[in-house]
Amino acid sequence: MGARLMRSTMRTFLIAAAAASVLAPTARPAEAASNLRGTIVNVEGDAMQVKESNGTSVTVHLAKDAKIASVSKASLSDVKPGTFIGTAAMPQPDGRLQATEIHIFPESMRGTGEGNRGWDIGPGSSMTNGTVGQEVNKVEGNTLTVKYNGGDKAVTVTPSTKVVALVPGDRNDLKPNEKVFIPAASPAGNNSFEANRVTVGKDGVAPPM
């Protein structure tokens, strides 16, 4: 009887353990970094209050060495062979990528975010940072071919494509009512984020990313 009771007890324990493993909630995956777009409400030290485009208010904690860039108006004629640019694009029915915006990096920021990756402005959207070259990569009509480490992408430019130039900035550029784009901000809990890069509008020109 003792052995039979022990086997029965063990069987009951194993069944209970299996049930618990099925019913127990799985651990939530870590929240992914987010691109933030909005308007500065105020800045105090390393903390910046931002009202996002969707109306949500968040706190952004800037890293001590956070890089700040501001934007100025530019045109497609400023995109020359050898220029390092970033461009957000949407796929078209014919398979082409249509640029919604182009931002021209200063030479001091060459290489920033180089590559091609998914973006968050719509289904299938992408961001490509790379160099407009002179051989395979060129400006030809309204099509730009941009080369990056590991590949290249051709994007079509239209009259509605916004073009800006990025200018190295500093924290004095972070002022209330200015528009900001904060790439890859890391969630920090309590509706707050940590960031090491900010692009801020200037003289009425807003970051188009």
C-alpha atoms as a PDB file:
ATOM      1  CA  MET A   1       0.000   0.000   0.000  1.00  0.00           C
ATOM      2  CA  GLY A   2       2.862   2.357   0.814  1.00  0.00           C
ATOM      3  CA  ALA A   3       4.447   1.988  -2.638  1.00  0.00           C
ATOM      4  CA  ARG A   4       1.057   2.294  -4.380  1.00  0.00           C
ATOM      5  CA  LEU A   5       0.246   5.439  -2.373  1.00  0.00           C
ATOM      6  CA  MET A   6       3.638   6.928  -3.226  1.00  0.00           C
ATOM      7  CA  ARG A   7       3.110   6.284  -6.969  1.00  0.00           C
ATOM      8  CA  SER A   8      -0.370   7.826  -6.791  1.00  0.00           C
ATOM      9  CA  THR A   9       0.974  10.894  -4.964  1.00  0.00           C
ATOM     10  CA  MET A  10       3.782  11.342  -7.520  1.00  0.00           C
ATOM     11  CA  ARG A  11       1.339  11.018 -10.424  1.00  0.00           C
ATOM     12  CA  THR A  12      -0.933  13.662  -8.872  1.00  0.00           C
ATOM     13  CA  PHE A  13       2.066  15.974  -8.402  1.00  0.00           C
ATOM     14  CA  LEU A  14       3.188  15.607 -12.031  1.00  0.00           C
ATOM     15  CA  ILE A  15      -0.313  16.289 -13.372  1.00  0.00           C
ATOM     16  CA  ALA A  16      -0.593  19.413 -11.212  1.00  0.00           C
ATOM     17  CA  ALA A  17       2.838  20.616 -12.312  1.00  0.00           C
ATOM     18  CA  ALA A  18       1.971  20.125 -15.990  1.00  0.00           C
ATOM     19  CA  ALA A  19      -1.293  22.027 -15.569  1.00  0.00           C
ATOM     20  CA  ALA A  20       0.497  24.876 -13.816  1.00  0.00           C
ATOM     21  CA  SER A  21       3.021  25.167 -16.648  1.00  0.00           C
ATOM     22  CA  VAL A  22       0.217  25.469 -19.199  1.00  0.00           C
ATOM     23  CA  LEU A  23      -1.814  28.010 -17.215  1.00  0.00           C
ATOM     24  CA  ALA A  24       1.069  30.171 -16.037  1.00  0.00           C
ATOM     25  CA  PRO A  25       1.440  33.386 -18.074  1.00  0.00           C
ATOM     26  CA  THR A  26       4.492  33.558 -20.316  1.00  0.00           C
ATOM     27  CA  ALA A  27       7.008  36.325 -19.726  1.00  0.00           C
ATOM     28  CA  ARG A  28       6.269  39.451 -21.788  1.00  0.00           C
ATOM     29  CA  PRO A  29       8.922  40.164 -24.425  1.00  0.00           C
ATOM     30  CA  ALA A  30      11.034  43.240 -23.866  1.00  0.00           C
ATOM     31  CA  GLU A  31       9.473  46.332 -25.439  1.00  0.00           C
ATOM     32  CA  ALA A  32      11.111  47.347 -28.681  1.00  0.00           C
ATOM     33  CA  ALA A  33      12.686  50.729 -29.306  1.00  0.00           C
ATOM     34  CA  SER A  34      10.363  53.279 -30.923  1.00  0.00           C
ATOM     35  CA  ASN A  35      10.696  56.266 -33.213  1.00  0.00           C
ATOM     36  CA  LEU A  36       9.091  59.260 -31.504  1.00  0.00           C
ATOM     37  CA  ARG A  37       7.638  62.232 -33.378  1.00  0.00           C
ATOM     38  CA  GLY A  38       6.138  65.246 -31.679  1.00  0.00           C
ATOM     39  CA  THR A  39       6.560  68.713 -30.219  1.00  0.00           C
ATOM     40  CA  ILE A  40       8.747  69.756 -27.293  1.00  0.00           C
ATOM     41  CA  VAL A  41       6.713  70.946 -24.314  1.00  0.00           C
ATOM     42  CA  ASN A  42       9.623  71.760 -22.016  1.00  0.00           C
ATOM     43  CA  VAL A  43      13.217  70.798 -21.267  1.00  0.00           C
ATOM     44  CA  GLU A  44      14.701  70.477 -17.803  1.00  0.00           C
ATOM     45  CA  GLY A  45      18.242  69.165 -17.537  1.00  0.00           C
ATOM     46  CA  ASP A  46      18.454  65.830 -19.341  1.00  0.00           C
ATOM     47  CA  ALA A  47      14.666  65.371 -19.331  1.00  0.00           C
ATOM     48  CA  MET A  48      12.518  66.562 -22.224  1.00  0.00           C
ATOM     49  CA  GLN A  49       8.716  66.523 -22.211  1.00  0.00           C
ATOM     50  CA  VAL A  50       7.352  65.741 -25.669  1.00  0.00           C
ATOM     51  CA  LYS A  51       3.760  65.688 -26.904  1.00  0.00           C
ATOM     52  CA  GLU A  52       3.659  63.020 -29.593  1.00  0.00           C
ATOM     53  CA  SER A  53       1.854  63.440 -32.899  1.00  0.00           C
ATOM     54  CA  ASN A  54      -0.904  61.152 -31.585  1.00  0.00           C
ATOM     55  CA  GLY A  55      -1.441  63.404 -28.551  1.00  0.00           C
ATOM     56  CA  THR A  56       0.358  61.225 -26.002  1.00  0.00           C
ATOM     57  CA  SER A  57       2.740  63.039 -23.622  1.00  0.00           C
ATOM     58  CA  VAL A  58       6.027  61.299 -22.851  1.00  0.00           C
ATOM     59  CA  THR A  59       9.235  62.061 -21.003  1.00  0.00           C
ATOM     60  CA  VAL A  60      12.470  61.571 -22.928  1.00  0.00           C
ATOM     61  CA  HIS A  61      15.677  61.183 -20.917  1.00  0.00           C
ATOM     62  CA  LEU A  62      18.678  62.226 -22.993  1.00  0.00           C
ATOM     63  CA  ALA A  63      21.990  60.428 -22.682  1.00  0.00           C
ATOM     64  CA  LYS A  64      24.832  62.665 -21.492  1.00  0.00           C
ATOM     65  CA  ASP A  65      26.465  62.345 -24.926  1.00  0.00           C
ATOM     66  CA  ALA A  66      23.224  62.504 -26.933  1.00  0.00           C
ATOM     67  CA  LYS A  67      23.807  63.762 -30.473  1.00  0.00           C
ATOM     68  CA  ILE A  68      21.603  66.648 -31.575  1.00  0.00           C
ATOM     69  CA  ALA A  69      20.949  67.616 -35.194  1.00  0.00           C
ATOM     70  CA  SER A  70      18.717  70.370 -36.545  1.00  0.00           C
ATOM     71  CA  VAL A  71      17.212  70.667 -40.016  1.00  0.00           C
ATOM     72  CA  SER A  72      17.301  73.310 -42.723  1.00  0.00           C
ATOM     73  CA  LYS A  73      15.486  73.576 -46.023  1.00  0.00           C
ATOM     74  CA  ALA A  74      17.113  71.915 -49.025  1.00  0.00           C
ATOM     75  CA  SER A  75      16.216  70.725 -52.538  1.00  0.00           C
ATOM     76  CA  LEU A  76      16.941  67.794 -54.792  1.00  0.00           C
ATOM     77  CA  SER A  77      19.663  69.842 -56.510  1.00  0.00           C
ATOM     78  CA  ASP A  78      21.598  69.584 -53.233  1.00  0.00           C
ATOM     79  CA  VAL A  79      21.711  65.781 -53.582  1.00  0.00           C
ATOM     80  CA  LYS A  80      24.920  65.243 -55.544  1.00  0.00           C
ATOM     81  CA  PRO A  81      27.120  62.217 -56.240  1.00  0.00           C
ATOM     82  CA  GLY A  82      29.033  61.413 -53.077  1.00  0.00           C
ATOM     83  CA  THR A  83      26.370  62.864 -50.790  1.00  0.00           C
ATOM     84  CA  PHE A  84      25.456  60.731 -47.777  1.00  0.00           C
ATOM     85  CA  ILE A  85      21.682  60.745 -47.394  1.00  0.00           C
ATOM     86  CA  GLY A  86      18.805  59.017 -45.683  1.00  0.00           C
ATOM     87  CA  THR A  87      15.486  58.476 -47.382  1.00  0.00           C
ATOM     88  CA  ALA A  88      12.179  57.062 -46.174  1.00  0.00           C
ATOM     89  CA  ALA A  89      10.191  55.381 -48.932  1.00  0.00           C
ATOM     90  CA  MET A  90       6.936  53.582 -49.608  1.00  0.00           C
ATOM     91  CA  PRO A  91       6.542  50.654 -52.029  1.00  0.00           C
ATOM     92  CA  GLN A  92       4.421  51.287 -55.132  1.00  0.00           C
ATOM     93  CA  PRO A  93       2.194  48.827 -57.054  1.00  0.00           C
ATOM     94  CA  ASP A  94       4.858  48.500 -59.769  1.00  0.00           C
ATOM     95  CA  GLY A  95       7.459  47.490 -57.176  1.00  0.00           C
ATOM     96  CA  ARG A  96       9.333  50.789 -57.120  1.00  0.00           C
ATOM     97  CA  LEU A  97      10.160  52.654 -53.927  1.00  0.00           C
ATOM     98  CA  GLN A  98       8.798  56.196 -53.778  1.00  0.00           C
ATOM     99  CA  ALA A  99      10.680  58.589 -51.495  1.00  0.00           C
ATOM    100  CA  THR A 100       8.523  60.478 -49.022  1.00  0.00           C
ATOM    101  CA  GLU A 101      11.518  62.427 -47.753  1.00  0.00           C
ATOM    102  CA  ILE A 102      15.270  62.820 -48.146  1.00  0.00           C
ATOM    103  CA  HIS A 103      17.550  64.137 -45.441  1.00  0.00           C
ATOM    104  CA  ILE A 104      21.096  65.116 -46.354  1.00  0.00           C
ATOM    105  CA  PHE A 105      23.722  64.370 -43.730  1.00  0.00           C
ATOM    106  CA  PRO A 106      26.670  66.713 -43.122  1.00  0.00           C
ATOM    107  CA  GLU A 107      30.085  65.173 -43.691  1.00  0.00           C
ATOM    108  CA  SER A 108      30.608  64.888 -39.922  1.00  0.00           C
ATOM    109  CA  MET A 109      27.621  62.499 -39.766  1.00  0.00           C
ATOM    110  CA  ARG A 110      28.590  60.317 -42.730  1.00  0.00           C
ATOM    111  CA  GLY A 111      27.865  56.663 -41.969  1.00  0.00           C
ATOM    112  CA  THR A 112      25.063  57.368 -39.480  1.00  0.00           C
ATOM    113  CA  GLY A 113      22.589  54.477 -39.586  1.00  0.00           C
ATOM    114  CA  GLU A 114      24.015  53.178 -42.864  1.00  0.00           C
ATOM    115  CA  GLY A 115      21.917  50.408 -44.403  1.00  0.00           C
ATOM    116  CA  ASN A 116      18.374  49.522 -45.382  1.00  0.00           C
ATOM    117  CA  ARG A 117      15.686  48.564 -42.863  1.00  0.00           C
ATOM    118  CA  GLY A 118      11.972  48.574 -42.288  1.00  0.00           C
ATOM    119  CA  TRP A 119      10.365  51.874 -41.287  1.00  0.00           C
ATOM    120  CA  ASP A 120       7.186  52.894 -39.519  1.00  0.00           C
ATOM    121  CA  ILE A 121       5.379  55.328 -41.821  1.00  0.00           C
ATOM    122  CA  GLY A 122       3.239  52.657 -43.484  1.00  0.00           C
ATOM    123  CA  PRO A 123       3.054  49.005 -44.577  1.00  0.00           C
ATOM    124  CA  GLY A 124       6.227  47.954 -46.365  1.00  0.00           C
ATOM    125  CA  SER A 125       7.949  51.300 -45.779  1.00  0.00           C
ATOM    126  CA  SER A 126      11.720  51.428 -45.517  1.00  0.00           C
ATOM    127  CA  MET A 127      14.575  53.716 -44.549  1.00  0.00           C
ATOM    128  CA  THR A 128      17.803  53.681 -46.553  1.00  0.00           C
ATOM    129  CA  ASN A 129      20.926  55.538 -45.438  1.00  0.00           C
ATOM    130  CA  GLY A 130      23.794  55.511 -47.898  1.00  0.00           C
ATOM    131  CA  THR A 131      25.903  57.308 -50.455  1.00  0.00           C
ATOM    132  CA  VAL A 132      24.845  58.645 -53.843  1.00  0.00           C
ATOM    133  CA  GLY A 133      27.751  57.534 -56.040  1.00  0.00           C
ATOM    134  CA  GLN A 134      29.142  58.157 -59.504  1.00  0.00           C
ATOM    135  CA  GLU A 135      29.162  54.722 -61.109  1.00  0.00           C
ATOM    136  CA  VAL A 136      26.381  52.229 -60.399  1.00  0.00           C
ATOM    137  CA  ASN A 137      24.843  54.746 -58.009  1.00  0.00           C
ATOM    138  CA  LYS A 138      23.759  58.006 -59.548  1.00  0.00           C
ATOM    139  CA  VAL A 139      21.117  60.661 -59.774  1.00  0.00           C
ATOM    140  CA  GLU A 140      19.258  59.960 -63.011  1.00  0.00           C
ATOM    141  CA  GLY A 141      16.095  61.896 -63.775  1.00  0.00           C
ATOM    142  CA  ASN A 142      13.789  61.528 -60.796  1.00  0.00           C
ATOM    143  CA  THR A 143      15.375  58.288 -59.577  1.00  0.00           C
ATOM    144  CA  LEU A 144      18.097  58.057 -56.938  1.00  0.00           C
ATOM    145  CA  THR A 145      20.157  54.935 -56.441  1.00  0.00           C
ATOM    146  CA  VAL A 146      21.744  54.849 -53.021  1.00  0.00           C
ATOM    147  CA  LYS A 147      24.550  52.482 -52.112  1.00  0.00           C
ATOM    148  CA  TYR A 148      25.134  51.193 -48.604  1.00  0.00           C
ATOM    149  CA  ASN A 149      27.341  48.519 -47.126  1.00  0.00           C
ATOM    150  CA  GLY A 150      25.891  45.279 -48.513  1.00  0.00           C
ATOM    151  CA  GLY A 151      23.632  46.583 -51.274  1.00  0.00           C
ATOM    152  CA  ASP A 152      21.845  49.456 -52.948  1.00  0.00           C
ATOM    153  CA  LYS A 153      18.289  50.729 -53.452  1.00  0.00           C
ATOM    154  CA  ALA A 154      16.700  52.844 -56.165  1.00  0.00           C
ATOM    155  CA  VAL A 155      14.040  55.329 -55.052  1.00  0.00           C
ATOM    156  CA  THR A 156      11.764  57.527 -57.122  1.00  0.00           C
ATOM    157  CA  VAL A 157      11.539  61.199 -56.189  1.00  0.00           C
ATOM    158  CA  THR A 158       8.341  63.187 -56.783  1.00  0.00           C
ATOM    159  CA  PRO A 159       7.416  66.870 -56.324  1.00  0.00           C
ATOM    160  CA  SER A 160       5.905  65.948 -52.942  1.00  0.00           C
ATOM    161  CA  THR A 161       9.166  64.447 -51.641  1.00  0.00           C
ATOM    162  CA  LYS A 162      10.404  66.600 -48.758  1.00  0.00           C
ATOM    163  CA  VAL A 163      14.123  67.405 -48.801  1.00  0.00           C
ATOM    164  CA  VAL A 164      16.041  68.793 -45.819  1.00  0.00           C
ATOM    165  CA  ALA A 165      19.653  69.104 -44.763  1.00  0.00           C
ATOM    166  CA  LEU A 166      20.789  68.038 -41.322  1.00  0.00           C
ATOM    167  CA  VAL A 167      23.051  70.406 -39.418  1.00  0.00           C
ATOM    168  CA  PRO A 168      25.037  69.481 -36.292  1.00  0.00           C
ATOM    169  CA  GLY A 169      23.296  71.069 -33.329  1.00  0.00           C
ATOM    170  CA  ASP A 170      23.406  71.193 -29.554  1.00  0.00           C
ATOM    171  CA  ARG A 171      20.993  71.229 -26.622  1.00  0.00           C
ATOM    172  CA  ASN A 172      20.332  74.934 -27.069  1.00  0.00           C
ATOM    173  CA  ASP A 173      18.322  73.912 -30.143  1.00  0.00           C
ATOM    174  CA  LEU A 174      15.892  71.924 -27.965  1.00  0.00           C
ATOM    175  CA  LYS A 175      13.230  74.526 -27.235  1.00  0.00           C
ATOM    176  CA  PRO A 176       9.513  74.415 -26.424  1.00  0.00           C
ATOM    177  CA  ASN A 177       7.229  74.245 -29.486  1.00  0.00           C
ATOM    178  CA  GLU A 178       9.946  72.871 -31.761  1.00  0.00           C
ATOM    179  CA  LYS A 179       9.161  69.667 -33.664  1.00  0.00           C
ATOM    180  CA  VAL A 180      11.391  66.683 -32.940  1.00  0.00           C
ATOM    181  CA  PHE A 181      12.133  63.257 -34.355  1.00  0.00           C
ATOM    182  CA  ILE A 182      13.757  60.849 -31.895  1.00  0.00           C
ATOM    183  CA  PRO A 183      14.945  57.586 -33.495  1.00  0.00           C
ATOM    184  CA  ALA A 184      15.099  54.269 -31.661  1.00  0.00           C
ATOM    185  CA  ALA A 185      14.082  55.610 -28.239  1.00  0.00           C
ATOM    186  CA  SER A 186      14.224  52.879 -25.594  1.00  0.00           C
ATOM    187  CA  PRO A 187      11.200  52.407 -23.284  1.00  0.00           C
ATOM    188  CA  ALA A 188      12.082  53.174 -19.653  1.00  0.00           C
ATOM    189  CA  GLY A 189       8.705  52.644 -17.966  1.00  0.00           C
ATOM    190  CA  ASN A 190       6.064  55.101 -16.728  1.00  0.00           C
ATOM    191  CA  ASN A 191       5.547  56.574 -20.191  1.00  0.00           C
ATOM    192  CA  SER A 192       9.202  57.562 -20.484  1.00  0.00           C
ATOM    193  CA  PHE A 193      12.019  56.800 -22.914  1.00  0.00           C
ATOM    194  CA  GLU A 194      15.789  57.018 -23.133  1.00  0.00           C
ATOM    195  CA  ALA A 195      17.409  58.485 -26.232  1.00  0.00           C
ATOM    196  CA  ASN A 196      20.883  59.144 -27.574  1.00  0.00           C
ATOM    197  CA  ARG A 197      19.881  61.028 -30.742  1.00  0.00           C
ATOM    198  CA  VAL A 198      17.433  63.843 -31.491  1.00  0.00           C
ATOM    199  CA  THR A 199      16.641  65.682 -34.720  1.00  0.00           C
ATOM    200  CA  VAL A 200      14.945  68.997 -34.041  1.00  0.00           C
ATOM    201  CA  GLY A 201      13.180  71.492 -36.290  1.00  0.00           C
ATOM    202  CA  LYS A 202      14.510  74.974 -36.814  1.00  0.00           C
ATOM    203  CA  ASP A 203      13.281  78.207 -38.432  1.00  0.00           C
ATOM    204  CA  GLY A 204       9.923  76.622 -39.258  1.00  0.00           C
ATOM    205  CA  VAL A 205      11.408  73.537 -40.928  1.00  0.00           C
ATOM    206  CA  ALA A 206      10.269  70.319 -39.225  1.00  0.00           C
ATOM    207  CA  PRO A 207      12.043  66.944 -39.359  1.00  0.00           C
ATOM    208  CA  PRO A 208      10.242  65.008 -42.146  1.00  0.00           C
ATOM    209  CA  MET A 209      11.336  61.532 -41.057  1.00  0.00           C
END
